Amino acid sequence: MLPNLTYLRLSYNAFTGAAPEGLGELTQMKLLQLQSNRLTELPNIPELDESLYSTSTFVTDCGVPSAFNEAPKCQNCTMCCNANNDCFPQEETKVQKWGMKYGTFAAVLFAGFIVLCSAVVFFSYLFSKRKNRGNALTTSTVRRLEEDDKYALS
């Protein structure tokens, strides 16, 4: 093949089937764009240097919704495009960096929300009870003063 090949843009062609395994042997590759074809299998491409093209260094059709029954798996893709021609960078979200799954994160978030709401209700109850206790003392004090006023000398 071409061992010194550095840039290969094969996007928007009518290629079908598996991509050639020889693509994985191109060690000088800096840019590889294969999206909008019908490639069902992708070779294991070494990680490309993202300093030149950032997330556009290795682009394929590994996104969802896929034009295929099953989206091709791509280990080192920097960007995946879907059947709608929308392309998204392949980077971990904060949730994934924390080592959580989305279902677990949603459950933790929901539980935190319930705890927060419970705390607000509890402290509102305590505040209301304390406020009403102060009113009860004031009412009884006024009543005593009124009773004492009957017996006071004018």
C-alpha atoms as a PDB file:
ATOM      1  CA  MET A   1       0.000   0.000   0.000  1.00  0.00           C
ATOM      2  CA  LEU A   2       1.117   3.602   0.455  1.00  0.00           C
ATOM      3  CA  PRO A   3       3.127   3.688   3.710  1.00  0.00           C
ATOM      4  CA  ASN A   4       3.672   7.472   3.648  1.00  0.00           C
ATOM      5  CA  LEU A   5       0.021   8.379   3.083  1.00  0.00           C
ATOM      6  CA  THR A   6      -0.984  11.100   5.567  1.00  0.00           C
ATOM      7  CA  TYR A   7      -4.378  12.441   4.423  1.00  0.00           C
ATOM      8  CA  LEU A   8      -7.204  10.275   3.118  1.00  0.00           C
ATOM      9  CA  ARG A   9     -10.676  11.651   2.518  1.00  0.00           C
ATOM     10  CA  LEU A  10     -13.059   9.062   1.138  1.00  0.00           C
ATOM     11  CA  SER A  11     -16.293  10.606   2.402  1.00  0.00           C
ATOM     12  CA  TYR A  12     -19.548  10.642   0.429  1.00  0.00           C
ATOM     13  CA  ASN A  13     -18.685   7.799  -1.928  1.00  0.00           C
ATOM     14  CA  ALA A  14     -20.674   4.662  -2.543  1.00  0.00           C
ATOM     15  CA  PHE A  15     -18.225   2.292  -0.838  1.00  0.00           C
ATOM     16  CA  THR A  16     -19.838  -0.789   0.661  1.00  0.00           C
ATOM     17  CA  GLY A  17     -18.686  -3.720   2.758  1.00  0.00           C
ATOM     18  CA  ALA A  18     -15.611  -3.826   4.954  1.00  0.00           C
ATOM     19  CA  ALA A  19     -12.869  -1.213   4.822  1.00  0.00           C
ATOM     20  CA  PRO A  20      -9.464  -2.624   3.830  1.00  0.00           C
ATOM     21  CA  GLU A  21      -7.425  -3.960   6.759  1.00  0.00           C
ATOM     22  CA  GLY A  22      -4.371  -2.239   5.280  1.00  0.00           C
ATOM     23  CA  LEU A  23      -5.681   1.114   6.507  1.00  0.00           C
ATOM     24  CA  GLY A  24      -4.577   0.100   9.988  1.00  0.00           C
ATOM     25  CA  GLU A  25      -0.990  -0.197   8.782  1.00  0.00           C
ATOM     26  CA  LEU A  26      -0.713   3.419   7.651  1.00  0.00           C
ATOM     27  CA  THR A  27       1.493   4.763  10.431  1.00  0.00           C
ATOM     28  CA  GLN A  28       1.928   8.253   8.954  1.00  0.00           C
ATOM     29  CA  MET A  29      -1.843   8.894   8.775  1.00  0.00           C
ATOM     30  CA  LYS A  30      -2.950  12.280  10.167  1.00  0.00           C
ATOM     31  CA  LEU A  31      -6.456  12.505   8.719  1.00  0.00           C
ATOM     32  CA  LEU A  32      -8.923   9.762   7.743  1.00  0.00           C
ATOM     33  CA  GLN A  33     -12.503  10.566   6.793  1.00  0.00           C
ATOM     34  CA  LEU A  34     -14.764   7.686   5.751  1.00  0.00           C
ATOM     35  CA  GLN A  35     -18.247   8.966   6.623  1.00  0.00           C
ATOM     36  CA  SER A  36     -21.324   8.756   4.391  1.00  0.00           C
ATOM     37  CA  ASN A  37     -20.343   5.482   2.774  1.00  0.00           C
ATOM     38  CA  ARG A  38     -21.808   2.050   3.448  1.00  0.00           C
ATOM     39  CA  LEU A  39     -18.784   0.571   5.220  1.00  0.00           C
ATOM     40  CA  THR A  40     -19.969  -2.120   7.603  1.00  0.00           C
ATOM     41  CA  GLU A  41     -16.621  -3.024   9.180  1.00  0.00           C
ATOM     42  CA  LEU A  42     -13.768  -0.724  10.071  1.00  0.00           C
ATOM     43  CA  PRO A  43     -10.168  -1.777  10.635  1.00  0.00           C
ATOM     44  CA  ASN A  44      -8.420  -1.003  13.901  1.00  0.00           C
ATOM     45  CA  ILE A  45      -6.782   2.319  13.094  1.00  0.00           C
ATOM     46  CA  PRO A  46      -4.101   3.599  15.495  1.00  0.00           C
ATOM     47  CA  GLU A  47      -4.998   6.833  17.266  1.00  0.00           C
ATOM     48  CA  LEU A  48      -4.360   9.785  15.003  1.00  0.00           C
ATOM     49  CA  ASP A  49      -2.739  13.023  16.125  1.00  0.00           C
ATOM     50  CA  GLU A  50      -5.621  15.388  16.903  1.00  0.00           C
ATOM     51  CA  SER A  51      -3.456  18.518  17.080  1.00  0.00           C
ATOM     52  CA  LEU A  52      -3.991  19.359  13.397  1.00  0.00           C
ATOM     53  CA  TYR A  53      -7.675  18.612  12.870  1.00  0.00           C
ATOM     54  CA  SER A  54      -8.908  18.052  16.452  1.00  0.00           C
ATOM     55  CA  THR A  55     -12.061  15.912  16.342  1.00  0.00           C
ATOM     56  CA  SER A  56     -12.057  15.534  12.537  1.00  0.00           C
ATOM     57  CA  THR A  57      -9.025  13.254  12.352  1.00  0.00           C
ATOM     58  CA  PHE A  58     -10.927   9.933  12.059  1.00  0.00           C
ATOM     59  CA  VAL A  59     -14.567  10.255  11.003  1.00  0.00           C
ATOM     60  CA  THR A  60     -16.871   7.297  10.234  1.00  0.00           C
ATOM     61  CA  ASP A  61     -20.554   6.278  10.202  1.00  0.00           C
ATOM     62  CA  CYS A  62     -20.596   4.848  13.733  1.00  0.00           C
ATOM     63  CA  GLY A  63     -23.361   7.174  15.000  1.00  0.00           C
ATOM     64  CA  VAL A  64     -26.982   6.498  15.891  1.00  0.00           C
ATOM     65  CA  PRO A  65     -29.435   6.379  14.150  1.00  0.00           C
ATOM     66  CA  SER A  66     -27.426   4.246  11.812  1.00  0.00           C
ATOM     67  CA  ALA A  67     -27.977   3.593   8.138  1.00  0.00           C
ATOM     68  CA  PHE A  68     -27.144  -0.036   8.967  1.00  0.00           C
ATOM     69  CA  ASN A  69     -28.938  -2.711  10.961  1.00  0.00           C
ATOM     70  CA  GLU A  70     -26.135  -2.330  13.487  1.00  0.00           C
ATOM     71  CA  ALA A  71     -23.814   0.686  13.595  1.00  0.00           C
ATOM     72  CA  PRO A  72     -20.188  -0.178  12.804  1.00  0.00           C
ATOM     73  CA  LYS A  73     -17.936  -0.325  15.859  1.00  0.00           C
ATOM     74  CA  CYS A  74     -15.007   2.042  15.803  1.00  0.00           C
ATOM     75  CA  GLN A  75     -12.399   1.982  18.568  1.00  0.00           C
ATOM     76  CA  ASN A  76     -10.380   5.105  17.816  1.00  0.00           C
ATOM     77  CA  CYS A  77     -12.871   7.236  15.903  1.00  0.00           C
ATOM     78  CA  THR A  78     -12.742  10.873  16.903  1.00  0.00           C
ATOM     79  CA  MET A  79     -16.135  11.651  15.381  1.00  0.00           C
ATOM     80  CA  CYS A  80     -19.147   9.499  14.480  1.00  0.00           C
ATOM     81  CA  CYS A  81     -21.740  10.479  11.896  1.00  0.00           C
ATOM     82  CA  ASN A  82     -25.263   9.058  11.754  1.00  0.00           C
ATOM     83  CA  ALA A  83     -27.861   8.383   9.045  1.00  0.00           C
ATOM     84  CA  ASN A  84     -29.051  12.019   9.279  1.00  0.00           C
ATOM     85  CA  ASN A  85     -25.532  13.260   8.401  1.00  0.00           C
ATOM     86  CA  ASP A  86     -25.147  14.690  11.914  1.00  0.00           C
ATOM     87  CA  CYS A  87     -21.643  14.198  13.271  1.00  0.00           C
ATOM     88  CA  PHE A  88     -20.720  14.147  16.958  1.00  0.00           C
ATOM     89  CA  PRO A  89     -17.322  14.067  18.678  1.00  0.00           C
ATOM     90  CA  GLN A  90     -16.528  10.794  20.412  1.00  0.00           C
ATOM     91  CA  GLU A  91     -15.574  12.009  23.845  1.00  0.00           C
ATOM     92  CA  GLU A  92     -16.607  10.855  27.269  1.00  0.00           C
ATOM     93  CA  THR A  93     -19.312  12.833  28.986  1.00  0.00           C
ATOM     94  CA  LYS A  94     -18.814  13.985  32.577  1.00  0.00           C
ATOM     95  CA  VAL A  95     -21.097  11.180  33.762  1.00  0.00           C
ATOM     96  CA  GLN A  96     -18.924   8.600  31.989  1.00  0.00           C
ATOM     97  CA  LYS A  97     -15.744  10.183  33.386  1.00  0.00           C
ATOM     98  CA  TRP A  98     -17.200   9.770  36.900  1.00  0.00           C
ATOM     99  CA  GLY A  99     -17.537   6.045  36.140  1.00  0.00           C
ATOM    100  CA  MET A 100     -21.345   6.045  36.273  1.00  0.00           C
ATOM    101  CA  LYS A 101     -23.980   4.769  33.898  1.00  0.00           C
ATOM    102  CA  TYR A 102     -26.806   7.101  32.911  1.00  0.00           C
ATOM    103  CA  GLY A 103     -29.427   5.021  34.759  1.00  0.00           C
ATOM    104  CA  THR A 104     -27.389   5.132  37.973  1.00  0.00           C
ATOM    105  CA  PHE A 105     -26.786   8.863  37.564  1.00  0.00           C
ATOM    106  CA  ALA A 106     -30.520   9.480  37.039  1.00  0.00           C
ATOM    107  CA  ALA A 107     -31.362   7.449  40.177  1.00  0.00           C
ATOM    108  CA  VAL A 108     -28.791   9.366  42.258  1.00  0.00           C
ATOM    109  CA  LEU A 109     -30.061  12.682  40.905  1.00  0.00           C
ATOM    110  CA  PHE A 110     -33.677  11.728  41.662  1.00  0.00           C
ATOM    111  CA  ALA A 111     -32.771  10.563  45.192  1.00  0.00           C
ATOM    112  CA  GLY A 112     -30.899  13.820  45.783  1.00  0.00           C
ATOM    113  CA  PHE A 113     -33.929  15.777  44.610  1.00  0.00           C
ATOM    114  CA  ILE A 114     -36.204  13.839  47.001  1.00  0.00           C
ATOM    115  CA  VAL A 115     -33.799  14.449  49.917  1.00  0.00           C
ATOM    116  CA  LEU A 116     -33.618  18.164  49.079  1.00  0.00           C
ATOM    117  CA  CYS A 117     -37.421  18.467  48.873  1.00  0.00           C
ATOM    118  CA  SER A 118     -37.790  16.580  52.172  1.00  0.00           C
ATOM    119  CA  ALA A 119     -35.291  18.919  53.839  1.00  0.00           C
ATOM    120  CA  VAL A 120     -37.187  21.981  52.569  1.00  0.00           C
ATOM    121  CA  VAL A 121     -40.493  20.589  53.883  1.00  0.00           C
ATOM    122  CA  PHE A 122     -38.927  19.664  57.249  1.00  0.00           C
ATOM    123  CA  PHE A 123     -37.308  23.062  57.801  1.00  0.00           C
ATOM    124  CA  SER A 124     -40.468  24.848  56.643  1.00  0.00           C
ATOM    125  CA  TYR A 125     -42.425  22.850  59.232  1.00  0.00           C
ATOM    126  CA  LEU A 126     -39.922  23.730  61.977  1.00  0.00           C
ATOM    127  CA  PHE A 127     -39.956  27.405  61.008  1.00  0.00           C
ATOM    128  CA  SER A 128     -43.762  27.466  60.899  1.00  0.00           C
ATOM    129  CA  LYS A 129     -44.012  25.723  64.279  1.00  0.00           C
ATOM    130  CA  ARG A 130     -41.548  28.155  65.855  1.00  0.00           C
ATOM    131  CA  LYS A 131     -43.329  31.139  64.312  1.00  0.00           C
ATOM    132  CA  ASN A 132     -46.730  29.937  65.590  1.00  0.00           C
ATOM    133  CA  ARG A 133     -45.282  29.263  69.053  1.00  0.00           C
ATOM    134  CA  GLY A 134     -44.145  32.885  69.177  1.00  0.00           C
ATOM    135  CA  ASN A 135     -47.665  34.023  68.202  1.00  0.00           C
ATOM    136  CA  ALA A 136     -49.209  31.861  70.923  1.00  0.00           C
ATOM    137  CA  LEU A 137     -46.995  33.472  73.562  1.00  0.00           C
ATOM    138  CA  THR A 138     -47.841  36.917  72.289  1.00  0.00           C
ATOM    139  CA  THR A 139     -51.585  36.160  72.346  1.00  0.00           C
ATOM    140  CA  SER A 140     -51.470  34.818  75.911  1.00  0.00           C
ATOM    141  CA  THR A 141     -49.388  37.779  77.024  1.00  0.00           C
ATOM    142  CA  VAL A 142     -51.912  40.220  75.521  1.00  0.00           C
ATOM    143  CA  ARG A 143     -54.759  38.353  77.195  1.00  0.00           C
ATOM    144  CA  ARG A 144     -53.009  38.574  80.599  1.00  0.00           C
ATOM    145  CA  LEU A 145     -52.362  42.255  80.110  1.00  0.00           C
ATOM    146  CA  GLU A 146     -56.031  42.814  79.292  1.00  0.00           C
ATOM    147  CA  GLU A 147     -57.054  40.910  82.430  1.00  0.00           C
ATOM    148  CA  ASP A 148     -54.551  42.847  84.502  1.00  0.00           C
ATOM    149  CA  ASP A 149     -55.862  46.071  82.987  1.00  0.00           C
ATOM    150  CA  LYS A 150     -59.261  45.397  84.601  1.00  0.00           C
ATOM    151  CA  TYR A 151     -57.692  45.411  88.058  1.00  0.00           C
ATOM    152  CA  ALA A 152     -55.175  48.167  87.508  1.00  0.00           C
ATOM    153  CA  LEU A 153     -55.699  51.512  89.173  1.00  0.00           C
ATOM    154  CA  SER A 154     -56.367  54.294  86.837  1.00  0.00           C
END
